[in-house]
Structure formats: structure tokens, C-alpha cells
Amino acid sequence: MDWRKIRTFYNVSGFKSFSEAARVLDKSQSTLSRDILTLEKDLGFKLFLRNTDGIKLTSKGTNLLNIAKEFDQKVRNT
């Protein structure tokens, strides 16, 4: 697992869709989707529920987001 993929997850988690995240983050939707799918495979669980209305964090995704936020804050404060 690499930090870049967790950072991608961290950034995408605030959006309702991969396409919106891709537009705002100035990356391709396929790149974001591939990174998230790889991270999910590495972790062994889904981070997002995907449907026609967009994306929503799973409970494990919410847990990872909280860990990522805490880590990001600690890194920025050192």
C-alpha cells in the first residue's frame, strides 16, 4: 500500500462522485478509480459504495478516512 493511494482516497472521499473529484483534482476519472480499486484490493475491503447516485463511504472507509485525517494533521504539525 502506498501513501499516494491513501492520499487519493482522502481527497476523493469529500466528493459525491469520481467524475467530480477528477474535475476538481485535475486528474482523470480512470486514474482515480484505478487507484481506489487498487487500494481496496490491497486492504481487502471496499471503501466506497458505488451506485447511479454517486459514491458513499462504507463504514470501513469512514474509519480509514479518520485515520488518514489524523495522520495528515500530525504530518503537517511536525
C-alpha atoms as a PDB file:
ATOM      1  CA  MET A   1       0.000   0.000   0.000  1.00  0.00           C
ATOM      2  CA  ASP A   2       1.380   3.413  -0.797  1.00  0.00           C
ATOM      3  CA  TRP A   3       0.624   6.803   0.706  1.00  0.00           C
ATOM      4  CA  ARG A   4      -0.262   8.276  -2.708  1.00  0.00           C
ATOM      5  CA  LYS A   5      -3.284   5.980  -2.983  1.00  0.00           C
ATOM      6  CA  ILE A   6      -4.394   6.796   0.563  1.00  0.00           C
ATOM      7  CA  ARG A   7      -3.986  10.483  -0.262  1.00  0.00           C
ATOM      8  CA  THR A   8      -6.147   9.944  -3.367  1.00  0.00           C
ATOM      9  CA  PHE A   9      -8.760   8.226  -1.187  1.00  0.00           C
ATOM     10  CA  TYR A  10      -8.559  11.095   1.313  1.00  0.00           C
ATOM     11  CA  ASN A  11      -9.153  13.646  -1.445  1.00  0.00           C
ATOM     12  CA  VAL A  12     -11.895  11.705  -3.248  1.00  0.00           C
ATOM     13  CA  SER A  13     -13.828  10.999  -0.035  1.00  0.00           C
ATOM     14  CA  GLY A  14     -15.204  14.527   0.116  1.00  0.00           C
ATOM     15  CA  PHE A  15     -16.889  14.313  -3.271  1.00  0.00           C
ATOM     16  CA  LYS A  16     -20.150  12.694  -4.329  1.00  0.00           C
ATOM     17  CA  SER A  17     -18.636  11.155  -7.476  1.00  0.00           C
ATOM     18  CA  PHE A  18     -15.371  10.152  -9.061  1.00  0.00           C
ATOM     19  CA  SER A  19     -16.066  12.434 -12.014  1.00  0.00           C
ATOM     20  CA  GLU A  20     -16.494  15.464  -9.731  1.00  0.00           C
ATOM     21  CA  ALA A  21     -13.346  14.535  -7.809  1.00  0.00           C
ATOM     22  CA  ALA A  22     -11.440  14.131 -11.078  1.00  0.00           C
ATOM     23  CA  ARG A  23     -12.581  17.544 -12.301  1.00  0.00           C
ATOM     24  CA  VAL A  24     -11.614  19.345  -9.086  1.00  0.00           C
ATOM     25  CA  LEU A  25      -8.360  17.434  -8.569  1.00  0.00           C
ATOM     26  CA  ASP A  26      -7.425  17.816 -12.255  1.00  0.00           C
ATOM     27  CA  LYS A  27      -6.875  14.085 -12.753  1.00  0.00           C
ATOM     28  CA  SER A  28      -8.588  11.595 -14.993  1.00  0.00           C
ATOM     29  CA  GLN A  29     -11.542   9.696 -13.597  1.00  0.00           C
ATOM     30  CA  SER A  30      -9.969   6.417 -14.681  1.00  0.00           C
ATOM     31  CA  THR A  31      -6.772   7.210 -12.748  1.00  0.00           C
ATOM     32  CA  LEU A  32      -8.720   7.944  -9.563  1.00  0.00           C
ATOM     33  CA  SER A  33     -10.913   4.866  -9.972  1.00  0.00           C
ATOM     34  CA  ARG A  34      -7.909   2.629 -10.624  1.00  0.00           C
ATOM     35  CA  ASP A  35      -6.057   3.963  -7.578  1.00  0.00           C
ATOM     36  CA  ILE A  36      -9.085   3.411  -5.334  1.00  0.00           C
ATOM     37  CA  LEU A  37      -9.712  -0.093  -6.701  1.00  0.00           C
ATOM     38  CA  THR A  38      -6.049  -0.997  -6.128  1.00  0.00           C
ATOM     39  CA  LEU A  39      -6.189   0.365  -2.583  1.00  0.00           C
ATOM     40  CA  GLU A  40      -9.386  -1.587  -1.899  1.00  0.00           C
ATOM     41  CA  LYS A  41      -7.720  -4.748  -3.201  1.00  0.00           C
ATOM     42  CA  ASP A  42      -4.625  -4.140  -1.054  1.00  0.00           C
ATOM     43  CA  LEU A  43      -6.766  -3.563   2.048  1.00  0.00           C
ATOM     44  CA  GLY A  44      -9.182  -6.399   1.343  1.00  0.00           C
ATOM     45  CA  PHE A  45     -12.356  -4.347   1.722  1.00  0.00           C
ATOM     46  CA  LYS A  46     -14.452  -1.755  -0.103  1.00  0.00           C
ATOM     47  CA  LEU A  47     -14.005   1.904   0.782  1.00  0.00           C
ATOM     48  CA  PHE A  48     -16.923   3.266  -1.246  1.00  0.00           C
ATOM     49  CA  LEU A  49     -20.409   2.152  -2.120  1.00  0.00           C
ATOM     50  CA  ARG A  50     -20.902   2.949  -5.793  1.00  0.00           C
ATOM     51  CA  ASN A  51     -24.306   3.443  -7.410  1.00  0.00           C
ATOM     52  CA  THR A  52     -26.021   5.595 -10.014  1.00  0.00           C
ATOM     53  CA  ASP A  53     -26.350   8.418  -7.473  1.00  0.00           C
ATOM     54  CA  GLY A  54     -22.586   8.570  -6.897  1.00  0.00           C
ATOM     55  CA  ILE A  55     -20.322   7.309  -4.150  1.00  0.00           C
ATOM     56  CA  LYS A  56     -20.643   6.983  -0.393  1.00  0.00           C
ATOM     57  CA  LEU A  57     -18.110   5.818   2.182  1.00  0.00           C
ATOM     58  CA  THR A  58     -18.517   2.385   3.722  1.00  0.00           C
ATOM     59  CA  SER A  59     -18.072   2.072   7.489  1.00  0.00           C
ATOM     60  CA  LYS A  60     -14.513   0.823   6.941  1.00  0.00           C
ATOM     61  CA  GLY A  61     -13.959   3.690   4.519  1.00  0.00           C
ATOM     62  CA  THR A  62     -15.067   6.117   7.229  1.00  0.00           C
ATOM     63  CA  ASN A  63     -12.624   4.507   9.665  1.00  0.00           C
ATOM     64  CA  LEU A  64      -9.758   4.827   7.169  1.00  0.00           C
ATOM     65  CA  LEU A  65     -10.698   8.442   6.467  1.00  0.00           C
ATOM     66  CA  ASN A  66     -10.473   9.260  10.177  1.00  0.00           C
ATOM     67  CA  ILE A  67      -7.038   7.625  10.381  1.00  0.00           C
ATOM     68  CA  ALA A  68      -5.876   9.442   7.238  1.00  0.00           C
ATOM     69  CA  LYS A  69      -7.098  12.803   8.608  1.00  0.00           C
ATOM     70  CA  GLU A  70      -5.292  12.245  11.902  1.00  0.00           C
ATOM     71  CA  PHE A  71      -2.095  11.221  10.112  1.00  0.00           C
ATOM     72  CA  ASP A  72      -2.292  14.218   7.771  1.00  0.00           C
ATOM     73  CA  GLN A  73      -2.718  16.607  10.721  1.00  0.00           C
ATOM     74  CA  LYS A  74       0.238  15.090  12.552  1.00  0.00           C
ATOM     75  CA  VAL A  75       2.464  15.307   9.484  1.00  0.00           C
ATOM     76  CA  ARG A  76       1.518  18.944   8.911  1.00  0.00           C
ATOM     77  CA  ASN A  77       2.203  19.853  12.536  1.00  0.00           C
ATOM     78  CA  THR A  78       5.725  18.421  12.687  1.00  0.00           C
END
